[in-house]
PDB file of N, CA and C in Angstrom:
ATOM      1  N   MET A   1      75.506 150.543  67.141  1.00  0.00           N
ATOM      2  CA  MET A   1      75.680 151.275  65.703  1.00  0.00           C
ATOM      3  C   MET A   1      75.186 152.617  67.019  1.00  0.00           C
ATOM      4  N   GLY A   2      75.550 153.052  65.758  1.00  0.00           N
ATOM      5  CA  GLY A   2      75.242 155.047  65.711  1.00  0.00           C
ATOM      6  C   GLY A   2      74.230 155.021  65.193  1.00  0.00           C
ATOM      7  N   PHE A   3      74.241 155.652  63.625  1.00  0.00           N
ATOM      8  CA  PHE A   3      73.046 156.131  63.503  1.00  0.00           C
ATOM      9  C   PHE A   3      72.425 155.486  62.651  1.00  0.00           C
ATOM     10  N   GLY A   4      72.394 154.238  62.631  1.00  0.00           N
ATOM     11  CA  GLY A   4      71.918 152.870  62.016  1.00  0.00           C
ATOM     12  C   GLY A   4      72.157 151.631  62.281  1.00  0.00           C
ATOM     13  N   ASN A   5      71.831 150.463  61.134  1.00  0.00           N
ATOM     14  CA  ASN A   5      72.255 149.111  62.230  1.00  0.00           C
ATOM     15  C   ASN A   5      72.137 148.253  60.965  1.00  0.00           C
ATOM     16  N   LYS A   6      72.072 146.932  60.743  1.00  0.00           N
ATOM     17  CA  LYS A   6      72.519 145.798  60.078  1.00  0.00           C
ATOM     18  C   LYS A   6      70.800 145.615  59.372  1.00  0.00           C
ATOM     19  N   GLN A   7      69.725 146.092  59.948  1.00  0.00           N
ATOM     20  CA  GLN A   7      68.576 146.379  59.495  1.00  0.00           C
ATOM     21  C   GLN A   7      68.110 147.293  58.643  1.00  0.00           C
ATOM     22  N   ILE A   8      68.551 148.540  59.041  1.00  0.00           N
ATOM     23  CA  ILE A   8      68.202 149.535  58.240  1.00  0.00           C
ATOM     24  C   ILE A   8      69.227 149.167  56.876  1.00  0.00           C
ATOM     25  N   LEU A   9      70.287 148.825  56.858  1.00  0.00           N
ATOM     26  CA  LEU A   9      70.981 148.486  55.407  1.00  0.00           C
ATOM     27  C   LEU A   9      70.713 147.349  54.832  1.00  0.00           C
ATOM     28  N   THR A  10      70.282 146.516  55.961  1.00  0.00           N
ATOM     29  CA  THR A  10      69.841 145.283  54.553  1.00  0.00           C
ATOM     30  C   THR A  10      67.997 145.956  54.130  1.00  0.00           C
ATOM     31  N   SER A  11      67.162 146.962  54.690  1.00  0.00           N
ATOM     32  CA  SER A  11      66.368 147.568  54.169  1.00  0.00           C
ATOM     33  C   SER A  11      66.185 147.615  52.447  1.00  0.00           C
ATOM     34  N   ARG A  12      68.226 148.184  52.423  1.00  0.00           N
ATOM     35  CA  ARG A  12      68.631 149.166  50.853  1.00  0.00           C
ATOM     36  C   ARG A  12      69.332 147.806  50.005  1.00  0.00           C
ATOM     37  N   VAL A  13      68.812 146.935  50.114  1.00  0.00           N
ATOM     38  CA  VAL A  13      69.965 146.555  49.299  1.00  0.00           C
ATOM     39  C   VAL A  13      68.629 145.201  49.200  1.00  0.00           C
ATOM     40  N   LEU A  14      69.332 144.547  48.040  1.00  0.00           N
ATOM     41  CA  LEU A  14      68.334 143.430  47.033  1.00  0.00           C
ATOM     42  C   LEU A  14      68.187 142.037  47.668  1.00  0.00           C
ATOM     43  N   ASP A  15      69.642 141.553  47.608  1.00  0.00           N
ATOM     44  CA  ASP A  15      69.538 140.441  48.887  1.00  0.00           C
ATOM     45  C   ASP A  15      70.047 140.305  50.169  1.00  0.00           C
ATOM     46  N   ALA A  16      69.121 140.224  51.076  1.00  0.00           N
ATOM     47  CA  ALA A  16      69.600 141.119  52.412  1.00  0.00           C
ATOM     48  C   ALA A  16      70.390 139.235  52.967  1.00  0.00           C
ATOM     49  N   ASP A  17      70.404 138.440  52.392  1.00  0.00           N
ATOM     50  CA  ASP A  17      70.832 137.465  53.111  1.00  0.00           C
ATOM     51  C   ASP A  17      72.421 137.273  52.865  1.00  0.00           C
ATOM     52  N   GLU A  18      72.288 137.995  50.931  1.00  0.00           N
ATOM     53  CA  GLU A  18      73.482 137.434  51.021  1.00  0.00           C
ATOM     54  C   GLU A  18      74.003 139.159  51.139  1.00  0.00           C
ATOM     55  N   PHE A  19      73.960 140.385  51.517  1.00  0.00           N
ATOM     56  CA  PHE A  19      74.232 140.968  52.310  1.00  0.00           C
ATOM     57  C   PHE A  19      75.560 141.028  53.962  1.00  0.00           C
ATOM     58  N   LEU A  20      73.820 140.139  54.614  1.00  0.00           N
ATOM     59  CA  LEU A  20      74.539 139.678  56.193  1.00  0.00           C
ATOM     60  C   LEU A  20      75.629 138.804  55.580  1.00  0.00           C
ATOM     61  N   ASN A  21      75.668 138.187  55.377  1.00  0.00           N
ATOM     62  CA  ASN A  21      76.867 136.738  54.732  1.00  0.00           C
ATOM     63  C   ASN A  21      78.090 137.730  54.112  1.00  0.00           C
ATOM     64  N   SER A  22      78.251 138.353  53.581  1.00  0.00           N
ATOM     65  CA  SER A  22      78.856 138.906  53.094  1.00  0.00           C
ATOM     66  C   SER A  22      79.796 140.580  53.783  1.00  0.00           C
ATOM     67  N   VAL A  23      79.649 140.629  55.046  1.00  0.00           N
ATOM     68  CA  VAL A  23      79.748 141.653  55.593  1.00  0.00           C
ATOM     69  C   VAL A  23      80.653 141.224  56.717  1.00  0.00           C
ATOM     70  N   ASP A  24      81.560 141.684  57.145  1.00  0.00           N
ATOM     71  CA  ASP A  24      82.500 141.194  58.211  1.00  0.00           C
ATOM     72  C   ASP A  24      82.230 142.309  59.630  1.00  0.00           C
ATOM     73  N   THR A  25      81.447 141.412  60.292  1.00  0.00           N
ATOM     74  CA  THR A  25      81.208 142.492  61.523  1.00  0.00           C
ATOM     75  C   THR A  25      81.434 143.430  61.994  1.00  0.00           C
ATOM     76  N   ASP A  26      83.116 142.975  62.118  1.00  0.00           N
ATOM     77  CA  ASP A  26      84.294 144.363  62.857  1.00  0.00           C
ATOM     78  C   ASP A  26      84.535 145.297  61.718  1.00  0.00           C
ATOM     79  N   LYS A  27      84.367 144.927  60.827  1.00  0.00           N
ATOM     80  CA  LYS A  27      84.473 146.386  59.256  1.00  0.00           C
ATOM     81  C   LYS A  27      83.474 146.933  59.719  1.00  0.00           C
ATOM     82  N   LEU A  28      82.304 145.982  60.003  1.00  0.00           N
ATOM     83  CA  LEU A  28      81.540 147.192  59.578  1.00  0.00           C
ATOM     84  C   LEU A  28      80.999 148.022  60.761  1.00  0.00           C
ATOM     85  N   ALA A  29      81.330 147.407  61.946  1.00  0.00           N
ATOM     86  CA  ALA A  29      81.503 148.590  63.257  1.00  0.00           C
ATOM     87  C   ALA A  29      82.542 149.650  63.186  1.00  0.00           C
ATOM     88  N   GLU A  30      83.592 149.077  62.022  1.00  0.00           N
ATOM     89  CA  GLU A  30      84.388 149.964  62.112  1.00  0.00           C
ATOM     90  C   GLU A  30      84.201 151.332  61.555  1.00  0.00           C
ATOM     91  N   ILE A  31      83.409 150.730  60.030  1.00  0.00           N
ATOM     92  CA  ILE A  31      83.071 151.834  59.550  1.00  0.00           C
ATOM     93  C   ILE A  31      81.753 152.791  60.100  1.00  0.00           C
ATOM     94  N   ASP A  32      80.492 152.305  60.379  1.00  0.00           N
ATOM     95  CA  ASP A  32      80.146 152.845  61.262  1.00  0.00           C
ATOM     96  C   ASP A  32      80.532 153.647  62.423  1.00  0.00           C
ATOM     97  N   ALA A  33      81.477 153.939  63.066  1.00  0.00           N
ATOM     98  CA  ALA A  33      81.982 154.527  63.313  1.00  0.00           C
ATOM     99  C   ALA A  33      82.493 155.575  63.047  1.00  0.00           C
ATOM    100  N   GLU A  34      83.200 155.925  62.123  1.00  0.00           N
ATOM    101  CA  GLU A  34      83.878 156.566  60.923  1.00  0.00           C
ATOM    102  C   GLU A  34      82.701 157.691  60.477  1.00  0.00           C
ATOM    103  N   VAL A  35      81.491 156.448  59.792  1.00  0.00           N
ATOM    104  CA  VAL A  35      80.524 157.166  59.403  1.00  0.00           C
ATOM    105  C   VAL A  35      79.551 158.295  60.408  1.00  0.00           C
ATOM    106  N   SER A  36      79.503 158.067  61.493  1.00  0.00           N
ATOM    107  CA  SER A  36      78.420 158.374  62.794  1.00  0.00           C
ATOM    108  C   SER A  36      79.145 159.726  63.289  1.00  0.00           C
ATOM    109  N   ASP A  37      80.630 159.486  62.890  1.00  0.00           N
ATOM    110  CA  ASP A  37      81.523 160.510  63.576  1.00  0.00           C
ATOM    111  C   ASP A  37      81.549 161.709  62.916  1.00  0.00           C
ATOM    112  N   LEU A  38      81.319 161.139  61.401  1.00  0.00           N
ATOM    113  CA  LEU A  38      81.378 162.228  60.006  1.00  0.00           C
ATOM    114  C   LEU A  38      79.883 162.642  60.342  1.00  0.00           C
ATOM    115  N   ILE A  39      79.199 162.225  60.723  1.00  0.00           N
ATOM    116  CA  ILE A  39      77.693 163.006  60.590  1.00  0.00           C
ATOM    117  C   ILE A  39      77.543 163.697  61.491  1.00  0.00           C
ATOM    118  N   TYR A  40      77.892 163.493  62.998  1.00  0.00           N
ATOM    119  CA  TYR A  40      78.366 164.207  64.144  1.00  0.00           C
ATOM    120  C   TYR A  40      79.002 165.571  63.634  1.00  0.00           C
ATOM    121  N   GLN A  41      80.241 165.372  63.265  1.00  0.00           N
ATOM    122  CA  GLN A  41      81.206 166.465  62.951  1.00  0.00           C
ATOM    123  C   GLN A  41      80.624 167.703  61.384  1.00  0.00           C
ATOM    124  N   LYS A  42      79.802 166.973  61.237  1.00  0.00           N
ATOM    125  CA  LYS A  42      78.663 168.046  59.808  1.00  0.00           C
ATOM    126  C   LYS A  42      77.696 168.898  60.470  1.00  0.00           C
ATOM    127  N   THR A  43      76.846 167.704  61.466  1.00  0.00           N
ATOM    128  CA  THR A  43      75.335 168.239  62.111  1.00  0.00           C
ATOM    129  C   THR A  43      75.336 168.552  63.160  1.00  0.00           C
ATOM    130  N   GLY A  44      76.509 168.683  64.261  1.00  0.00           N
ATOM    131  CA  GLY A  44      76.293 168.522  65.415  1.00  0.00           C
ATOM    132  C   GLY A  44      75.090 167.754  66.303  1.00  0.00           C
ATOM    133  N   TYR A  45      74.562 166.877  65.517  1.00  0.00           N
ATOM    134  CA  TYR A  45      73.469 165.806  65.826  1.00  0.00           C
ATOM    135  C   TYR A  45      74.157 164.763  67.009  1.00  0.00           C
ATOM    136  N   GLU A  46      73.916 164.607  67.975  1.00  0.00           N
ATOM    137  CA  GLU A  46      75.078 163.845  69.182  1.00  0.00           C
ATOM    138  C   GLU A  46      74.755 162.084  68.312  1.00  0.00           C
ATOM    139  N   ILE A  47      75.700 161.464  68.707  1.00  0.00           N
ATOM    140  CA  ILE A  47      75.906 159.834  68.124  1.00  0.00           C
ATOM    141  C   ILE A  47      74.255 159.160  68.893  1.00  0.00           C
ATOM    142  N   PRO A  48      73.327 158.509  68.635  1.00  0.00           N
ATOM    143  CA  PRO A  48      72.032 157.898  69.717  1.00  0.00           C
ATOM    144  C   PRO A  48      72.893 156.306  69.799  1.00  0.00           C
ATOM    145  N   ASP A  49      72.464 156.537  71.059  1.00  0.00           N
ATOM    146  CA  ASP A  49      72.564 155.060  71.748  1.00  0.00           C
ATOM    147  C   ASP A  49      71.870 154.149  70.579  1.00  0.00           C
ATOM    148  N   ASP A  50      70.537 154.280  70.408  1.00  0.00           N
ATOM    149  CA  ASP A  50      69.743 153.966  69.570  1.00  0.00           C
ATOM    150  C   ASP A  50      69.795 154.396  68.623  1.00  0.00           C
ATOM    151  N   PRO A  51      69.949 153.530  66.775  1.00  0.00           N
ATOM    152  CA  PRO A  51      69.797 154.362  65.801  1.00  0.00           C
ATOM    153  C   PRO A  51      67.959 154.828  65.245  1.00  0.00           C
ATOM    154  N   ALA A  52      66.770 153.998  66.106  1.00  0.00           N
ATOM    155  CA  ALA A  52      65.857 154.173  66.168  1.00  0.00           C
ATOM    156  C   ALA A  52      65.399 155.620  66.271  1.00  0.00           C
ATOM    157  N   SER A  53      66.201 156.576  67.395  1.00  0.00           N
ATOM    158  CA  SER A  53      65.529 157.563  67.966  1.00  0.00           C
ATOM    159  C   SER A  53      66.265 158.975  67.034  1.00  0.00           C
ATOM    160  N   ALA A  54      67.155 158.378  65.950  1.00  0.00           N
ATOM    161  CA  ALA A  54      67.629 159.446  65.522  1.00  0.00           C
ATOM    162  C   ALA A  54      66.781 159.686  64.589  1.00  0.00           C
ATOM    163  N   PRO A  55      66.996 160.873  63.846  1.00  0.00           N
ATOM    164  CA  PRO A  55      65.984 161.606  62.580  1.00  0.00           C
ATOM    165  C   PRO A  55      66.041 160.485  61.241  1.00  0.00           C
ATOM    166  N   GLY A  56      65.407 160.318  60.322  1.00  0.00           N
ATOM    167  CA  GLY A  56      65.403 159.063  58.893  1.00  0.00           C
ATOM    168  C   GLY A  56      66.223 159.850  58.619  1.00  0.00           C
ATOM    169  N   MET A  57      66.059 161.091  58.400  1.00  0.00           N
ATOM    170  CA  MET A  57      67.371 161.646  57.025  1.00  0.00           C
ATOM    171  C   MET A  57      68.739 161.324  57.375  1.00  0.00           C
ATOM    172  N   LEU A  58      69.571 161.508  59.240  1.00  0.00           N
ATOM    173  CA  LEU A  58      70.561 161.068  59.061  1.00  0.00           C
ATOM    174  C   LEU A  58      70.351 159.645  58.951  1.00  0.00           C
ATOM    175  N   ARG A  59      69.143 158.894  59.252  1.00  0.00           N
ATOM    176  CA  ARG A  59      70.042 157.017  59.312  1.00  0.00           C
ATOM    177  C   ARG A  59      69.714 156.873  57.576  1.00  0.00           C
ATOM    178  N   GLY A  60      69.281 157.834  57.098  1.00  0.00           N
ATOM    179  CA  GLY A  60      69.355 157.616  55.270  1.00  0.00           C
ATOM    180  C   GLY A  60      70.926 158.086  54.804  1.00  0.00           C
ATOM    181  N   ILE A  61      71.639 158.488  55.466  1.00  0.00           N
ATOM    182  CA  ILE A  61      72.643 158.880  55.189  1.00  0.00           C
ATOM    183  C   ILE A  61      73.540 158.365  55.390  1.00  0.00           C
ATOM    184  N   TRP A  62      73.476 157.949  56.802  1.00  0.00           N
ATOM    185  CA  TRP A  62      74.048 156.697  57.192  1.00  0.00           C
ATOM    186  C   TRP A  62      74.288 155.713  56.411  1.00  0.00           C
ATOM    187  N   ALA A  63      73.293 155.127  56.372  1.00  0.00           N
ATOM    188  CA  ALA A  63      73.139 153.646  54.938  1.00  0.00           C
ATOM    189  C   ALA A  63      73.973 154.162  54.109  1.00  0.00           C
ATOM    190  N   ASP A  64      73.491 155.119  53.294  1.00  0.00           N
ATOM    191  CA  ASP A  64      73.992 155.161  51.916  1.00  0.00           C
ATOM    192  C   ASP A  64      75.468 155.460  51.807  1.00  0.00           C
ATOM    193  N   ILE A  65      75.841 156.071  53.138  1.00  0.00           N
ATOM    194  CA  ILE A  65      77.620 155.934  52.928  1.00  0.00           C
ATOM    195  C   ILE A  65      78.290 154.782  53.380  1.00  0.00           C
ATOM    196  N   VAL A  66      77.801 153.889  54.195  1.00  0.00           N
ATOM    197  CA  VAL A  66      77.647 152.784  54.929  1.00  0.00           C
ATOM    198  C   VAL A  66      78.189 151.729  53.630  1.00  0.00           C
ATOM    199  N   LEU A  67      77.183 151.685  52.843  1.00  0.00           N
ATOM    200  CA  LEU A  67      76.724 151.027  51.965  1.00  0.00           C
ATOM    201  C   LEU A  67      78.079 151.201  51.157  1.00  0.00           C
ATOM    202  N   PHE A  68      78.095 152.081  51.168  1.00  0.00           N
ATOM    203  CA  PHE A  68      79.329 152.486  49.925  1.00  0.00           C
ATOM    204  C   PHE A  68      80.830 151.827  50.487  1.00  0.00           C
ATOM    205  N   LYS A  69      81.048 152.151  51.326  1.00  0.00           N
ATOM    206  CA  LYS A  69      82.472 151.962  52.043  1.00  0.00           C
ATOM    207  C   LYS A  69      82.601 150.616  52.234  1.00  0.00           C
ATOM    208  N   ILE A  70      81.852 149.903  52.565  1.00  0.00           N
ATOM    209  CA  ILE A  70      81.793 148.401  52.924  1.00  0.00           C
ATOM    210  C   ILE A  70      81.782 147.731  51.322  1.00  0.00           C
ATOM    211  N   ILE A  71      81.717 148.174  50.657  1.00  0.00           N
ATOM    212  CA  ILE A  71      81.758 147.360  49.171  1.00  0.00           C
ATOM    213  C   ILE A  71      83.096 146.895  49.407  1.00  0.00           C
ATOM    214  N   ARG A  72      84.495 147.144  49.501  1.00  0.00           N
ATOM    215  CA  ARG A  72      85.374 146.562  49.138  1.00  0.00           C
ATOM    216  C   ARG A  72      85.783 146.010  49.660  1.00  0.00           C
ATOM    217  N   TRP A  73      85.160 145.408  50.842  1.00  0.00           N
ATOM    218  CA  TRP A  73      85.200 143.812  51.861  1.00  0.00           C
ATOM    219  C   TRP A  73      84.141 142.902  51.706  1.00  0.00           C
ATOM    220  N   GLN A  74      83.287 143.436  50.333  1.00  0.00           N
ATOM    221  CA  GLN A  74      82.606 142.208  50.185  1.00  0.00           C
ATOM    222  C   GLN A  74      82.871 141.526  49.039  1.00  0.00           C
ATOM    223  N   TYR A  75      82.355 140.751  48.872  1.00  0.00           N
ATOM    224  CA  TYR A  75      82.429 139.873  47.679  1.00  0.00           C
ATOM    225  C   TYR A  75      81.540 139.603  46.977  1.00  0.00           C
ATOM    226  N   LYS A  76      81.256 139.523  45.384  1.00  0.00           N
ATOM    227  CA  LYS A  76      80.212 139.822  44.495  1.00  0.00           C
ATOM    228  C   LYS A  76      79.165 140.423  44.634  1.00  0.00           C
ATOM    229  N   VAL A  77      79.715 141.828  44.082  1.00  0.00           N
ATOM    230  CA  VAL A  77      79.064 142.802  44.284  1.00  0.00           C
ATOM    231  C   VAL A  77      79.611 143.678  42.422  1.00  0.00           C
ATOM    232  N   SER A  78      78.038 143.471  41.870  1.00  0.00           N
ATOM    233  CA  SER A  78      78.198 143.392  40.499  1.00  0.00           C
ATOM    234  C   SER A  78      78.458 145.048  40.792  1.00  0.00           C
ATOM    235  N   GLU A  79      78.589 145.148  39.035  1.00  0.00           N
ATOM    236  CA  GLU A  79      78.724 146.274  38.247  1.00  0.00           C
ATOM    237  C   GLU A  79      78.074 147.461  38.829  1.00  0.00           C
ATOM    238  N   ASP A  80      76.996 147.126  38.122  1.00  0.00           N
ATOM    239  CA  ASP A  80      75.674 148.232  38.540  1.00  0.00           C
ATOM    240  C   ASP A  80      75.552 148.458  40.046  1.00  0.00           C
ATOM    241  N   GLU A  81      75.418 147.050  40.697  1.00  0.00           N
ATOM    242  CA  GLU A  81      75.451 147.893  42.299  1.00  0.00           C
ATOM    243  C   GLU A  81      76.313 149.115  42.719  1.00  0.00           C
ATOM    244  N   ILE A  82      77.600 148.395  42.364  1.00  0.00           N
ATOM    245  CA  ILE A  82      78.414 149.631  42.687  1.00  0.00           C
ATOM    246  C   ILE A  82      77.555 151.256  42.300  1.00  0.00           C
ATOM    247  N   LYS A  83      77.165 151.101  41.019  1.00  0.00           N
ATOM    248  CA  LYS A  83      77.464 152.093  40.518  1.00  0.00           C
ATOM    249  C   LYS A  83      76.034 152.827  41.052  1.00  0.00           C
ATOM    250  N   ARG A  84      75.085 151.976  41.415  1.00  0.00           N
ATOM    251  CA  ARG A  84      74.011 152.309  42.434  1.00  0.00           C
ATOM    252  C   ARG A  84      74.137 153.229  43.681  1.00  0.00           C
ATOM    253  N   ARG A  85      75.301 152.496  44.270  1.00  0.00           N
ATOM    254  CA  ARG A  85      75.933 152.867  45.758  1.00  0.00           C
ATOM    255  C   ARG A  85      76.676 154.028  44.937  1.00  0.00           C
ATOM    256  N   THR A  86      77.251 154.299  44.126  1.00  0.00           N
ATOM    257  CA  THR A  86      78.019 155.629  44.452  1.00  0.00           C
ATOM    258  C   THR A  86      77.322 156.656  43.998  1.00  0.00           C
ATOM    259  N   ILE A  87      76.289 156.688  43.440  1.00  0.00           N
ATOM    260  CA  ILE A  87      75.012 157.692  43.208  1.00  0.00           C
ATOM    261  C   ILE A  87      74.100 157.836  44.338  1.00  0.00           C
ATOM    262  N   LEU A  88      73.872 156.927  45.077  1.00  0.00           N
ATOM    263  CA  LEU A  88      73.483 156.947  47.012  1.00  0.00           C
ATOM    264  C   LEU A  88      74.743 157.692  47.517  1.00  0.00           C
ATOM    265  N   LYS A  89      76.032 157.577  47.412  1.00  0.00           N
ATOM    266  CA  LYS A  89      77.098 157.984  48.749  1.00  0.00           C
ATOM    267  C   LYS A  89      76.901 159.339  48.116  1.00  0.00           C
ATOM    268  N   ASP A  90      77.017 159.561  46.636  1.00  0.00           N
ATOM    269  CA  ASP A  90      77.644 161.012  46.085  1.00  0.00           C
ATOM    270  C   ASP A  90      75.995 162.225  46.858  1.00  0.00           C
ATOM    271  N   ASP A  91      74.748 161.816  46.618  1.00  0.00           N
ATOM    272  CA  ASP A  91      73.994 162.213  46.858  1.00  0.00           C
ATOM    273  C   ASP A  91      73.784 162.290  48.420  1.00  0.00           C
ATOM    274  N   ALA A  92      73.567 161.569  49.321  1.00  0.00           N
ATOM    275  CA  ALA A  92      74.063 161.592  50.894  1.00  0.00           C
ATOM    276  C   ALA A  92      75.189 162.498  51.662  1.00  0.00           C
ATOM    277  N   MET A  93      76.576 162.540  50.473  1.00  0.00           N
ATOM    278  CA  MET A  93      77.368 163.460  51.134  1.00  0.00           C
ATOM    279  C   MET A  93      76.682 164.827  50.892  1.00  0.00           C
ATOM    280  N   SER A  94      76.133 165.116  49.373  1.00  0.00           N
ATOM    281  CA  SER A  94      75.787 166.475  49.159  1.00  0.00           C
ATOM    282  C   SER A  94      74.682 167.178  50.261  1.00  0.00           C
ATOM    283  N   LEU A  95      73.766 166.434  50.669  1.00  0.00           N
ATOM    284  CA  LEU A  95      72.623 166.630  51.445  1.00  0.00           C
ATOM    285  C   LEU A  95      73.423 166.427  52.876  1.00  0.00           C
ATOM    286  N   LEU A  96      74.919 165.809  53.520  1.00  0.00           N
ATOM    287  CA  LEU A  96      74.919 165.977  54.674  1.00  0.00           C
ATOM    288  C   LEU A  96      76.092 167.300  54.883  1.00  0.00           C
ATOM    289  N   ASN A  97      76.532 167.854  52.814  1.00  0.00           N
ATOM    290  CA  ASN A  97      77.005 168.823  53.203  1.00  0.00           C
ATOM    291  C   ASN A  97      76.295 170.395  53.387  1.00  0.00           C
ATOM    292  N   ASN A  98      74.902 170.207  52.684  1.00  0.00           N
ATOM    293  CA  ASN A  98      73.983 171.540  52.432  1.00  0.00           C
ATOM    294  C   ASN A  98      73.414 171.516  53.977  1.00  0.00           C
ATOM    295  N   LEU A  99      73.330 170.119  54.521  1.00  0.00           N
ATOM    296  CA  LEU A  99      72.854 170.485  55.961  1.00  0.00           C
ATOM    297  C   LEU A  99      74.139 171.207  56.889  1.00  0.00           C
ATOM    298  N   GLU A 100      75.367 171.382  56.811  1.00  0.00           N
ATOM    299  CA  GLU A 100      76.153 171.470  57.401  1.00  0.00           C
ATOM    300  C   GLU A 100      76.286 173.406  57.132  1.00  0.00           C
ATOM    301  N   THR A 101      76.288 173.730  55.617  1.00  0.00           N
ATOM    302  CA  THR A 101      76.255 174.918  55.361  1.00  0.00           C
ATOM    303  C   THR A 101      74.953 175.401  56.058  1.00  0.00           C
ATOM    304  N   GLY A 102      73.846 174.766  56.074  1.00  0.00           N
ATOM    305  CA  GLY A 102      72.749 175.276  56.598  1.00  0.00           C
ATOM    306  C   GLY A 102      71.430 175.176  54.876  1.00  0.00           C
ATOM    307  N   LYS A 103      71.928 175.374  53.787  1.00  0.00           N
ATOM    308  CA  LYS A 103      70.879 174.948  52.792  1.00  0.00           C
ATOM    309  C   LYS A 103      70.187 173.886  52.854  1.00  0.00           C
ATOM    310  N   SER A 104      70.414 173.116  53.909  1.00  0.00           N
ATOM    311  CA  SER A 104      68.896 172.067  54.081  1.00  0.00           C
ATOM    312  C   SER A 104      68.939 172.178  55.484  1.00  0.00           C
ATOM    313  N   GLN A 105      67.910 171.611  56.138  1.00  0.00           N
ATOM    314  CA  GLN A 105      67.630 171.715  57.646  1.00  0.00           C
ATOM    315  C   GLN A 105      67.062 170.458  57.813  1.00  0.00           C
ATOM    316  N   LEU A 106      67.566 169.910  58.886  1.00  0.00           N
ATOM    317  CA  LEU A 106      67.487 168.470  59.608  1.00  0.00           C
ATOM    318  C   LEU A 106      65.801 168.878  60.286  1.00  0.00           C
ATOM    319  N   LYS A 107      64.761 168.193  59.677  1.00  0.00           N
ATOM    320  CA  LYS A 107      63.409 168.049  59.999  1.00  0.00           C
ATOM    321  C   LYS A 107      62.910 167.295  61.650  1.00  0.00           C
ATOM    322  N   SER A 108      62.308 167.491  62.214  1.00  0.00           N
ATOM    323  CA  SER A 108      62.187 166.531  63.019  1.00  0.00           C
ATOM    324  C   SER A 108      60.758 165.583  62.541  1.00  0.00           C
ATOM    325  N   SER A 109      61.322 164.544  63.284  1.00  0.00           N
ATOM    326  CA  SER A 109      60.920 162.871  62.848  1.00  0.00           C
ATOM    327  C   SER A 109      60.070 162.557  63.846  1.00  0.00           C
ATOM    328  N   THR A 110      59.296 164.001  64.858  1.00  0.00           N
ATOM    329  CA  THR A 110      58.585 163.611  65.863  1.00  0.00           C
ATOM    330  C   THR A 110      56.845 163.411  65.558  1.00  0.00           C
ATOM    331  N   VAL A 111      56.068 162.995  66.077  1.00  0.00           N
ATOM    332  CA  VAL A 111      54.676 162.578  65.492  1.00  0.00           C
ATOM    333  C   VAL A 111      54.156 163.106  67.163  1.00  0.00           C
ATOM    334  N   GLU A 112      53.486 163.470  67.407  1.00  0.00           N
ATOM    335  CA  GLU A 112      52.575 163.551  68.773  1.00  0.00           C
ATOM    336  C   GLU A 112      51.026 162.901  68.103  1.00  0.00           C
ATOM    337  N   MET A 113      50.228 162.107  68.920  1.00  0.00           N
ATOM    338  CA  MET A 113      49.082 161.313  68.810  1.00  0.00           C
ATOM    339  C   MET A 113      48.988 162.627  69.889  1.00  0.00           C
ATOM    340  N   VAL A 114      47.124 162.754  69.835  1.00  0.00           N
ATOM    341  CA  VAL A 114      45.982 163.417  70.473  1.00  0.00           C
ATOM    342  C   VAL A 114      44.549 163.015  69.973  1.00  0.00           C
ATOM    343  N   LYS A 115      43.941 162.554  71.268  1.00  0.00           N
ATOM    344  CA  LYS A 115      42.656 162.100  71.210  1.00  0.00           C
ATOM    345  C   LYS A 115      41.990 163.363  71.242  1.00  0.00           C
ATOM    346  N   VAL A 116      41.118 163.461  70.040  1.00  0.00           N
ATOM    347  CA  VAL A 116      40.198 164.347  69.755  1.00  0.00           C
ATOM    348  C   VAL A 116      38.763 164.308  69.873  1.00  0.00           C
ATOM    349  N   SER A 117      37.990 163.857  70.967  1.00  0.00           N
ATOM    350  CA  SER A 117      36.147 163.274  70.684  1.00  0.00           C
ATOM    351  C   SER A 117      36.321 162.159  70.387  1.00  0.00           C
ATOM    352  N   GLY A 118      37.289 161.236  70.780  1.00  0.00           N
ATOM    353  CA  GLY A 118      37.136 159.253  70.503  1.00  0.00           C
ATOM    354  C   GLY A 118      37.993 159.746  69.666  1.00  0.00           C
ATOM    355  N   THR A 119      38.568 160.141  68.848  1.00  0.00           N
ATOM    356  CA  THR A 119      39.177 160.109  67.654  1.00  0.00           C
ATOM    357  C   THR A 119      40.699 160.214  67.882  1.00  0.00           C
ATOM    358  N   LYS A 120      41.722 159.265  66.864  1.00  0.00           N
ATOM    359  CA  LYS A 120      42.921 159.805  67.332  1.00  0.00           C
ATOM    360  C   LYS A 120      43.092 161.101  66.015  1.00  0.00           C
ATOM    361  N   ARG A 121      43.922 161.176  65.943  1.00  0.00           N
ATOM    362  CA  ARG A 121      44.586 162.528  65.566  1.00  0.00           C
ATOM    363  C   ARG A 121      46.230 162.596  65.055  1.00  0.00           C
ATOM    364  N   ILE A 122      46.781 162.626  64.140  1.00  0.00           N
ATOM    365  CA  ILE A 122      48.677 163.006  64.052  1.00  0.00           C
ATOM    366  C   ILE A 122      48.433 164.073  64.268  1.00  0.00           C
ATOM    367  N   ILE A 123      49.322 165.162  64.933  1.00  0.00           N
ATOM    368  CA  ILE A 123      49.716 166.168  64.680  1.00  0.00           C
ATOM    369  C   ILE A 123      50.890 166.349  64.413  1.00  0.00           C
ATOM    370  N   THR A 124      52.036 166.686  63.526  1.00  0.00           N
ATOM    371  CA  THR A 124      53.165 166.987  63.541  1.00  0.00           C
ATOM    372  C   THR A 124      53.683 168.136  63.472  1.00  0.00           C
ATOM    373  N   PRO A 125      54.528 168.323  64.070  1.00  0.00           N
ATOM    374  CA  PRO A 125      54.921 170.047  64.320  1.00  0.00           C
ATOM    375  C   PRO A 125      55.515 170.654  63.388  1.00  0.00           C
TER     376      PRO A 125
END
């Protein structure tokens, strides 16, 4: 997968088991490729081999758009859930467009651990 995986998706739905049972793996792979390519086109950020290495902001954008796009291939998606996913997708697309135009900046999610006098301190760039 590109900027995300099933674990990231299931963390964003209320019933993870029901979600996993209702998602076609081939369709999910197709949508993953489409959304990952969209993120690459808008941000220039290379599609990672491991989603964990992608910035958290891009993983969140990926998940919100994929969850919206997969609705039509799922069964038993409530009207409230469809509305929720639509709002999340709209927000994700807005953020993605802001990244493309430079209105928003992609922040590094790297954290550096250093040892100072026997204690650990976290330094963020």
